[in-house]
Protein backbone atom coordinates (compact mmCIF):
# COMPACT_ATOMS: atom_id res chain seq x y z
CA UNK A 1 27.42 5.42 7.60
CA UNK A 2 23.69 5.93 6.99
CA UNK A 3 21.23 8.67 6.10
CA UNK A 4 18.22 9.26 8.34
CA UNK A 5 15.83 10.12 5.51
CA UNK A 6 14.86 12.62 2.82
CA UNK A 7 12.34 15.49 2.79
CA UNK A 8 11.14 17.61 -0.15
CA UNK A 9 9.80 21.12 0.56
CA UNK A 10 7.97 23.55 -1.71
CA UNK A 11 8.88 27.25 -2.03
CA UNK A 12 6.74 28.06 1.02
CA UNK A 13 8.65 25.62 3.25
CA UNK A 14 5.87 23.02 3.39
CA UNK A 15 6.65 19.32 3.07
CA UNK A 16 5.54 17.69 -0.19
CA UNK A 17 6.98 14.23 0.37
CA UNK A 18 9.32 12.50 2.78
CA UNK A 19 10.72 9.07 3.48
CA UNK A 20 9.47 6.88 6.30
CA UNK A 21 11.84 7.79 9.20
CA UNK A 22 10.81 4.46 10.75
CA UNK A 23 13.53 4.49 13.42
CA UNK A 24 12.77 8.04 14.63
CA UNK A 25 9.93 9.75 16.51
CA UNK A 26 7.31 11.57 14.42
CA UNK A 27 8.65 14.98 15.48
CA UNK A 28 12.13 14.26 14.11
CA UNK A 29 11.55 15.41 10.49
CA UNK A 30 9.53 18.40 11.74
CA UNK A 31 12.54 19.61 13.75
CA UNK A 32 14.65 19.80 10.60
CA UNK A 33 11.91 21.48 8.57
CA UNK A 34 11.39 24.13 11.27
CA UNK A 35 15.14 24.66 11.69
CA UNK A 36 15.59 25.33 7.97
CA UNK A 37 12.54 27.60 7.71
CA UNK A 38 13.70 29.61 10.75
CA UNK A 39 17.20 29.95 9.29
CA UNK A 40 15.80 31.17 5.96
CA UNK A 41 13.48 33.64 7.71
CA UNK A 42 16.27 35.17 9.79
CA UNK A 43 18.83 35.41 6.95
CA UNK A 44 19.20 38.58 4.90
CA UNK A 45 19.51 36.48 1.72
CA UNK A 46 18.57 32.80 1.25
CA UNK A 47 22.07 32.06 -0.03
CA UNK A 48 23.51 33.14 3.32
CA UNK A 49 22.11 30.03 5.05
CA UNK A 50 24.75 27.35 5.63
CA UNK A 51 24.15 24.13 3.65
CA UNK A 52 24.58 22.11 6.87
CA UNK A 53 22.55 23.18 9.92
CA UNK A 54 23.09 21.93 13.46
CA UNK A 55 19.93 20.54 15.07
CA UNK A 56 19.94 20.16 18.86
CA UNK A 57 17.33 17.42 18.75
CA UNK A 58 14.55 16.30 21.06
CA UNK A 59 17.11 14.99 23.52
CA UNK A 60 20.22 17.13 23.92
CA UNK A 61 22.43 14.01 23.91
CA UNK A 62 21.37 13.08 20.33
CA UNK A 63 22.12 16.05 18.08
CA UNK A 64 21.80 15.83 14.30
CA UNK A 65 22.47 17.86 11.18
CA UNK A 66 20.27 19.01 8.32
CA UNK A 67 21.93 18.92 4.88
CA UNK A 68 19.89 20.81 2.30
CA UNK A 69 20.10 21.98 -1.31
CA UNK A 70 17.83 24.15 -3.47
CA UNK A 71 16.94 23.18 -7.02
CA UNK A 72 14.43 25.37 -8.81
CA UNK A 73 11.57 26.18 -6.42
CA UNK A 74 12.12 23.08 -4.29
CA UNK A 75 14.38 22.36 -1.33
CA UNK A 76 15.66 18.89 -0.55
CA UNK A 77 16.55 18.04 3.06
CA UNK A 78 18.64 15.13 4.25
CA UNK A 79 18.79 14.74 8.06
CA UNK A 80 21.85 12.87 9.34
CA UNK A 81 22.94 11.85 12.82
CA UNK A 82 25.97 10.12 14.22
CA UNK A 83 29.28 9.82 12.40
CA UNK A 84 28.14 10.65 8.84
CA UNK A 85 30.09 12.67 6.30
CA UNK A 86 27.80 15.47 4.97
CA UNK A 87 29.24 14.93 1.48
CA UNK A 88 27.70 11.45 1.60
CA UNK A 89 24.28 13.04 2.11
CA UNK A 90 24.84 15.66 -0.61
CA UNK A 91 25.90 12.97 -3.08
CA UNK A 92 22.68 11.07 -2.43
CA UNK A 93 20.62 14.25 -2.77
CA UNK A 94 22.18 15.01 -6.14
CA UNK A 95 21.58 11.46 -7.32
CA UNK A 96 17.94 11.53 -6.24
CA UNK A 97 17.36 14.89 -7.96
CA UNK A 98 18.81 13.48 -11.18
CA UNK A 99 16.46 10.48 -10.87
CA UNK A 100 13.48 12.82 -10.54
CA UNK A 101 14.56 14.65 -13.70
CA UNK A 102 14.89 11.32 -15.50
CA UNK A 103 11.32 10.41 -14.56
CA UNK A 104 9.49 13.73 -14.81
CA UNK A 105 11.65 16.05 -16.90
CA UNK A 106 10.77 19.39 -15.34
CA UNK A 107 10.49 18.95 -11.56
CA UNK A 108 8.13 21.23 -9.67
CA UNK A 109 5.81 21.02 -6.68
CA UNK A 110 2.85 20.46 -8.98
CA UNK A 111 4.65 17.65 -10.82
CA UNK A 112 5.48 15.83 -7.60
CA UNK A 113 1.91 16.19 -6.29
CA UNK A 114 0.47 14.81 -9.52
CA UNK A 115 2.82 11.81 -9.36
CA UNK A 116 3.04 11.32 -5.60
CA UNK A 117 2.71 7.53 -5.96
CA UNK A 118 5.79 7.37 -8.19
CA UNK A 119 7.73 9.72 -5.89
CA UNK A 120 7.06 7.54 -2.84
CA UNK A 121 8.01 4.40 -4.73
CA UNK A 122 11.30 6.05 -5.72
CA UNK A 123 11.93 7.01 -2.09
CA UNK A 124 11.39 3.41 -1.00
CA UNK A 125 13.60 1.92 -3.72
CA UNK A 126 16.51 4.39 -3.52
CA UNK A 127 16.85 4.42 0.28
CA UNK A 128 16.37 1.32 2.42
CA UNK A 129 14.97 1.26 5.94
CA UNK A 130 18.46 1.46 7.41
CA UNK A 131 19.27 4.68 5.58
CA UNK A 132 21.61 3.20 2.97
CA UNK A 133 21.29 4.08 -0.73
CA UNK A 134 19.86 1.08 -2.53
CA UNK A 135 18.95 1.18 -6.23
CA UNK A 136 20.02 4.45 -7.86
CA UNK A 137 20.60 3.40 -11.47
CA UNK A 138 17.77 4.79 -13.68
CA UNK A 139 17.81 1.73 -15.95
CA UNK A 140 17.31 -0.61 -12.99
CA UNK A 141 14.67 1.65 -11.42
CA UNK A 142 12.56 1.73 -14.58
CA UNK A 143 12.03 -2.03 -14.26
CA UNK A 144 10.80 -1.59 -10.67
CA UNK A 145 9.03 1.79 -10.76
CA UNK A 146 7.28 2.39 -14.09
CA UNK A 147 7.80 5.99 -15.31
CA UNK A 148 4.56 7.99 -15.42
CA UNK A 149 2.91 8.28 -18.83
CA UNK A 150 -0.56 9.29 -19.92
CA UNK A 151 -1.34 5.69 -20.87
CA UNK A 152 -0.26 4.39 -17.47
CA UNK A 153 -2.44 6.96 -15.69
CA UNK A 154 -5.50 6.12 -17.81
CA UNK A 155 -5.04 2.38 -17.27
CA UNK A 156 -4.51 2.90 -13.55
CA UNK A 157 -7.70 4.92 -13.23
CA UNK A 158 -9.57 2.25 -15.23
CA UNK A 159 -8.31 -0.44 -12.86
CA UNK A 160 -6.24 -2.35 -15.43
CA UNK A 161 -2.77 -1.37 -14.22
CA UNK A 162 -1.46 -4.83 -15.08
CA UNK A 163 -1.32 -3.80 -18.74
CA UNK A 164 0.92 -0.84 -18.00
CA UNK A 165 4.19 -2.77 -17.91
CA UNK A 166 7.11 -1.37 -19.86
CA UNK A 167 7.88 -4.59 -21.70
CA UNK A 168 7.18 -8.28 -21.56
CA UNK A 169 10.65 -9.26 -20.41
CA UNK A 170 11.33 -6.34 -18.04
CA UNK A 171 11.81 -8.50 -14.96
CA UNK A 172 13.50 -6.47 -12.23
CA UNK A 173 17.24 -7.17 -11.90
CA UNK A 174 17.14 -9.55 -14.89
CA UNK A 175 20.36 -8.05 -16.24
CA UNK A 176 23.72 -9.06 -14.70
CA UNK A 177 24.86 -5.47 -15.32
CA UNK A 178 22.91 -3.17 -12.95
CA UNK A 179 23.13 -0.07 -15.18
CA UNK A 180 22.06 -1.73 -18.45
CA UNK A 181 18.83 -3.54 -19.31
CA UNK A 182 18.73 -6.78 -21.24
CA UNK A 183 17.21 -7.13 -24.69
CA UNK A 184 17.80 -3.55 -25.85
CA UNK A 185 17.27 -3.19 -29.62
CA UNK A 186 17.61 -0.20 -31.97
CA UNK A 187 17.20 0.11 -35.73
CA UNK A 188 20.04 2.67 -35.86
CA UNK A 189 22.93 1.96 -33.53
CA UNK A 190 24.50 5.28 -32.53
CA UNK A 191 26.19 6.96 -29.59
CA UNK A 192 26.69 10.69 -29.03
CA UNK A 193 29.15 12.49 -26.76
CA UNK A 194 28.65 16.07 -25.55
CA UNK A 195 31.84 17.57 -24.08
CA UNK A 196 30.86 20.54 -21.89
CA UNK A 197 33.63 22.60 -20.30
CA UNK A 198 33.30 25.53 -17.88
CA UNK A 199 35.99 28.16 -17.31
CA UNK A 200 36.05 29.63 -13.80
CA UNK A 201 38.45 32.56 -13.41
CA UNK A 202 39.24 35.65 -11.38
CA UNK A 203 40.72 38.63 -13.24
CA UNK A 204 42.41 41.51 -11.43
CA UNK A 205 41.53 45.14 -12.17
CA UNK A 206 44.67 45.49 -14.32
CA UNK A 207 43.37 42.74 -16.64
CA UNK A 208 45.68 39.92 -15.56
CA UNK A 209 44.23 36.53 -14.65
CA UNK A 210 44.74 35.78 -10.95
CA UNK A 211 43.45 32.21 -11.11
CA UNK A 212 41.59 30.09 -13.63
CA UNK A 213 40.46 26.50 -13.95
CA UNK A 214 38.52 24.50 -16.52
CA UNK A 215 36.12 21.78 -15.38
CA UNK A 216 34.59 19.48 -17.95
CA UNK A 217 32.16 16.63 -18.26
CA UNK A 218 31.24 14.16 -20.98
CA UNK A 219 27.48 13.69 -21.33
CA UNK A 220 26.59 10.58 -23.35
CA UNK A 221 23.45 9.46 -25.15
CA UNK A 222 23.73 5.75 -25.99
CA UNK A 223 21.39 4.04 -28.43
CA UNK A 224 23.19 0.75 -29.00
CA UNK A 225 21.62 -2.71 -29.25
CA UNK A 226 22.54 -5.67 -27.12
CA UNK A 227 25.40 -5.46 -24.63
CA UNK A 228 28.23 -3.60 -26.39
CA UNK A 229 31.69 -3.33 -24.84
CA UNK A 230 33.30 -0.03 -25.87
CA UNK A 231 36.89 1.19 -25.91
CA UNK A 232 37.10 4.97 -26.24
CA UNK A 233 40.39 6.75 -26.94
CA UNK A 234 40.87 10.54 -26.67
CA UNK A 235 43.46 12.50 -28.62
CA UNK A 236 44.95 14.37 -25.63
CA UNK A 237 43.87 12.42 -22.56
CA UNK A 238 47.07 13.35 -20.69
CA UNK A 239 45.67 16.86 -20.05
CA UNK A 240 42.71 15.47 -18.06
CA UNK A 241 43.20 15.40 -14.29
CA UNK A 242 41.10 14.78 -11.17
CA UNK A 243 38.79 12.53 -13.17
CA UNK A 244 35.64 10.91 -11.84
CA UNK A 245 33.73 8.28 -13.79
CA UNK A 246 30.41 6.55 -14.16
CA UNK A 247 30.45 3.13 -12.42
CA UNK A 248 30.52 1.43 -15.83
CA UNK A 249 34.11 2.60 -16.51
CA UNK A 250 36.96 0.18 -15.75
CA UNK A 251 39.30 2.26 -13.62
CA UNK A 252 42.40 0.09 -14.00
CA UNK A 253 42.35 0.47 -17.78
CA UNK A 254 42.21 4.25 -17.51
CA UNK A 255 45.00 4.37 -14.93
CA UNK A 256 47.24 2.21 -17.13
CA UNK A 257 46.49 3.34 -20.69
CA UNK A 258 44.40 6.55 -20.40
CA UNK A 259 41.55 4.93 -22.39
CA UNK A 260 37.92 4.39 -21.37
CA UNK A 261 36.75 0.78 -21.38
CA UNK A 262 33.08 0.34 -20.45
CA UNK A 263 29.71 -1.25 -21.12
CA UNK A 264 27.47 1.82 -21.42
CA UNK A 265 24.04 2.27 -19.85
CA UNK A 266 21.12 2.65 -22.22
CA UNK A 267 20.07 6.26 -22.83
CA UNK A 268 21.55 9.42 -21.35
CA UNK A 269 24.23 9.36 -18.65
CA UNK A 270 27.31 11.25 -17.49
CA UNK A 271 30.37 9.29 -18.58
CA UNK A 272 33.07 11.28 -16.78
CA UNK A 273 34.07 14.58 -15.19
CA UNK A 274 37.55 16.07 -15.23
CA UNK A 275 39.75 19.12 -14.73
CA UNK A 276 41.68 20.33 -17.78
CA UNK A 277 45.32 21.32 -17.23
CA UNK A 278 46.99 22.77 -20.34
CA UNK A 279 50.52 21.53 -21.00
CA UNK A 280 51.81 24.40 -23.12
CA UNK A 281 50.43 27.20 -20.94
CA UNK A 282 52.28 29.39 -18.47
CA UNK A 283 53.87 28.09 -15.31
CA UNK A 284 50.53 28.53 -13.53
CA UNK A 285 48.76 26.26 -16.06
CA UNK A 286 46.04 28.85 -16.67
CA UNK A 287 43.61 29.21 -19.56
CA UNK A 288 43.24 32.73 -20.95
CA UNK A 289 39.90 34.50 -20.68
CA UNK A 290 38.38 34.92 -24.19
CA UNK A 291 37.34 38.57 -23.74
CA UNK A 292 38.48 41.93 -22.38
CA UNK A 293 36.33 44.04 -20.04
CA UNK A 294 37.26 47.69 -19.46
CA UNK A 295 35.17 48.96 -16.52
CA UNK A 296 35.01 52.49 -15.17
CA UNK A 297 32.84 52.85 -12.07
CA UNK A 298 32.46 56.15 -10.24
CA UNK A 299 30.66 56.12 -6.88
CA UNK A 300 29.04 59.39 -5.82
CA UNK A 301 26.61 60.41 -3.11
CA UNK A 302 23.33 58.49 -3.47
CA UNK A 303 24.43 56.85 -6.71
CA UNK A 304 27.19 56.65 -9.27
CA UNK A 305 28.10 56.19 -12.95
CA UNK A 306 29.17 53.14 -14.92
CA UNK A 307 30.99 52.82 -18.25
CA UNK A 308 31.83 49.40 -19.70
CA UNK A 309 33.55 48.20 -22.86
CA UNK A 310 33.32 44.51 -23.73
CA UNK A 311 35.66 43.16 -26.45
CA UNK A 312 36.01 39.62 -27.76
CA UNK A 313 39.45 38.06 -28.07
CA UNK A 314 38.15 35.31 -30.34
CA UNK A 315 38.95 35.58 -34.04
CA UNK A 316 36.73 32.90 -35.57
CA UNK A 317 33.95 32.04 -33.09
CA UNK A 318 30.95 33.91 -31.75
CA UNK A 319 30.22 34.17 -28.04
CA UNK A 320 26.56 33.76 -27.17
CA UNK A 321 24.34 34.53 -24.18
CA UNK A 322 26.80 36.90 -22.53
CA UNK A 323 25.62 38.40 -19.24
CA UNK A 324 27.62 41.09 -17.39
CA UNK A 325 26.28 41.60 -13.87
CA UNK A 326 27.11 44.10 -11.11
CA UNK A 327 25.58 44.11 -7.64
CA UNK A 328 24.82 47.77 -6.86
CA UNK A 329 24.71 47.38 -3.09
CA UNK A 330 22.08 47.78 -0.38
CA UNK A 331 19.70 50.63 -1.03
CA UNK A 332 19.99 50.62 -4.83
CA UNK A 333 16.75 51.88 -6.35
CA UNK A 334 17.30 51.90 -10.10
CA UNK A 335 19.57 52.52 -13.07
CA UNK A 336 19.52 54.28 -16.44
CA UNK A 337 21.84 53.06 -19.23
CA UNK A 338 22.55 53.35 -22.95
CA UNK A 339 24.03 50.40 -24.86
CA UNK A 340 25.47 49.87 -28.33
CA UNK A 341 24.87 47.25 -31.04
CA UNK A 342 21.26 46.56 -30.00
CA UNK A 343 22.28 44.96 -26.72
CA UNK A 344 19.98 45.28 -23.72
CA UNK A 345 20.21 45.99 -19.99
CA UNK A 346 17.95 45.56 -16.99
CA UNK A 347 17.87 46.27 -13.26
CA UNK A 348 16.58 43.57 -10.94
CA UNK A 349 15.01 45.26 -7.87
CA UNK A 350 14.93 41.98 -5.97
CA UNK A 351 18.63 41.17 -6.26
CA UNK A 352 19.71 44.84 -6.71
CA UNK A 353 21.75 43.80 -9.74
CA UNK A 354 22.41 45.59 -13.02
CA UNK A 355 22.50 43.08 -15.91
CA UNK A 356 23.91 43.79 -19.37
CA UNK A 357 22.81 41.16 -21.90
CA UNK A 358 24.66 40.51 -25.18
CA UNK A 359 22.96 37.78 -27.18
CA UNK A 360 25.79 37.37 -29.71
CA UNK A 361 29.31 38.81 -29.61
CA UNK A 362 30.94 38.49 -33.03
CA UNK A 363 34.72 37.91 -33.29
CA UNK A 364 36.98 40.89 -32.50
CA UNK A 365 33.99 43.19 -31.88
CA UNK A 366 33.56 45.76 -29.08
CA UNK A 367 30.39 46.74 -27.23
CA UNK A 368 29.76 49.58 -24.78
CA UNK A 369 27.40 50.42 -21.94
CA UNK A 370 27.13 53.85 -20.28
CA UNK A 371 24.80 54.81 -17.50
CA UNK A 372 24.18 55.70 -13.88
CA UNK A 373 22.46 54.26 -10.84
CA UNK A 374 20.71 55.70 -7.82
CA UNK A 375 20.65 54.59 -4.22
CA UNK A 376 19.04 55.57 -0.94
CA UNK A 377 22.41 55.03 0.76
CA UNK A 378 24.49 58.16 1.18
CA UNK A 379 27.67 56.24 0.34
CA UNK A 380 26.70 53.34 -1.95
CA UNK A 381 28.85 50.22 -1.81
CA UNK A 382 28.51 48.30 -5.09
CA UNK A 383 30.35 45.03 -5.57
CA UNK A 384 34.04 45.38 -6.38
CA UNK A 385 33.78 42.83 -9.19
CA UNK A 386 31.65 42.17 -12.25
CA UNK A 387 30.33 38.69 -12.92
CA UNK A 388 30.50 37.68 -16.59
CA UNK A 389 28.81 34.53 -17.90
CA UNK A 390 29.02 33.38 -21.50
CA UNK A 391 28.77 30.43 -23.89
CA UNK A 392 30.84 29.43 -26.94
CA UNK A 393 29.06 26.75 -29.05
CA UNK A 394 31.04 24.09 -30.92
CA UNK A 395 34.19 24.85 -28.92
CA UNK A 396 36.30 23.29 -26.17
CA UNK A 397 39.12 24.83 -24.17
CA UNK A 398 40.90 21.46 -24.09
CA UNK A 399 40.38 20.70 -27.82
CA UNK A 400 39.38 17.21 -26.67
CA UNK A 401 38.60 14.88 -29.58
CA UNK A 402 37.70 11.22 -30.02
CA UNK A 403 40.59 9.40 -31.63
CA UNK A 404 38.99 5.97 -31.82
CA UNK A 405 35.91 4.05 -30.69
CA UNK A 406 36.06 0.25 -30.78
CA UNK A 407 33.08 -2.02 -30.14
CA UNK A 408 33.23 -5.68 -29.17
CA UNK A 409 30.53 -8.15 -28.17
CA UNK A 410 28.13 -7.20 -30.98
CA UNK A 411 28.22 -7.54 -34.78
CA UNK A 412 27.51 -4.00 -35.96
CA UNK A 413 29.46 -0.79 -36.47
CA UNK A 414 28.01 2.11 -34.48
CA UNK A 415 27.75 5.71 -35.61
CA UNK A 416 29.50 8.05 -33.19
CA UNK A 417 29.05 11.80 -32.86
CA UNK A 418 30.79 14.38 -30.71
CA UNK A 419 30.20 18.07 -30.13
CA UNK A 420 31.71 20.58 -27.76
CA UNK A 421 30.29 23.47 -25.78
CA UNK A 422 32.26 25.95 -23.67
CA UNK A 423 30.82 27.94 -20.78
CA UNK A 424 32.38 30.63 -18.62
CA UNK A 425 31.82 32.21 -15.22
CA UNK A 426 34.33 35.02 -14.68
CA UNK A 427 34.84 37.44 -11.78
CA UNK A 428 36.35 40.65 -13.22
CA UNK A 429 37.49 43.11 -10.54
CA UNK A 430 37.56 46.87 -10.95
């Protein structure tokens, strides 16, 4: 199972960078670029284009597929041929995008053009000539491909690039552990865990939850000296299902004792992902939605009226960055609304969406929006559901907590910190 190559396009559909495609004719990557651009041009909305496109190929007996994703203003293409699972290509694309963010922070077409030498080195190191992922660990890549800094650029222009090494002992693959460098030293030994959970739910028009699920991840920032071996115990690990882990985690220990035993990478990494299943919930194992939305939508000729009431079910915590969105349908031309409590609204003429923004929803409070919209369509067809997105800082649906963190292999006691953050993406039907 191999990947043919990787192509990065700007927002105009032009190629910024691509891998070698040594085993294919020069027209092969152009076929996939043209196929994607033609599909985007013929689609009513860019999101309507399938993530996997069939490509007939130069010879009809050798078809291929184009797997593509959009991140920001860039599109990443991964052509595959033969018996290759598309999920394999998407996993590599996601890994490569995360590597670019590790190196450049904000990734844009201008950033990639300014650092094209680093981008091509990353393409060569992460994907070998046979199309197999090679070195994808950021810690190992930093010893091979030096991250771009202002000092490195100045020294390179001056012709003294030999001085721009990251450290004196940063020999590539010097560490027996591929995800952790050797000789790491910190004055303050500390490790931080960010538990981020997202509630996805569908609520019927009578206010009952049809389906809900909570997906979480543990983002870690490790600043520990040496090669520490950690044993992490959670207070309610039995509620975590469908878990996936960073390669550093010993799977047998988790399967046997529900504890995480690992030697962490240096810096930021994603320790694990999981699905939270409450034990004491209803028979459907659902998490309740932390708000109530009372919509009243009236559709008339060439427009309609909207009345919304948003109420928080939380008693002690504040919801932040709440966005209530409604697609007003093809032909929508504008809206006029009045809101309470200094909240704001807007109409996006590009997406034809009415957006109600509530920066902070205090506990047990209610907010209202009243207004109307206009449309060139004689019988407007707005979406039959509102989309509500929100954030609850310092909160977790699972109430996941660190019970104990043990360190072996080094002679210091680390400082550990943990914070939670809850997100939500709710479809509320009317």
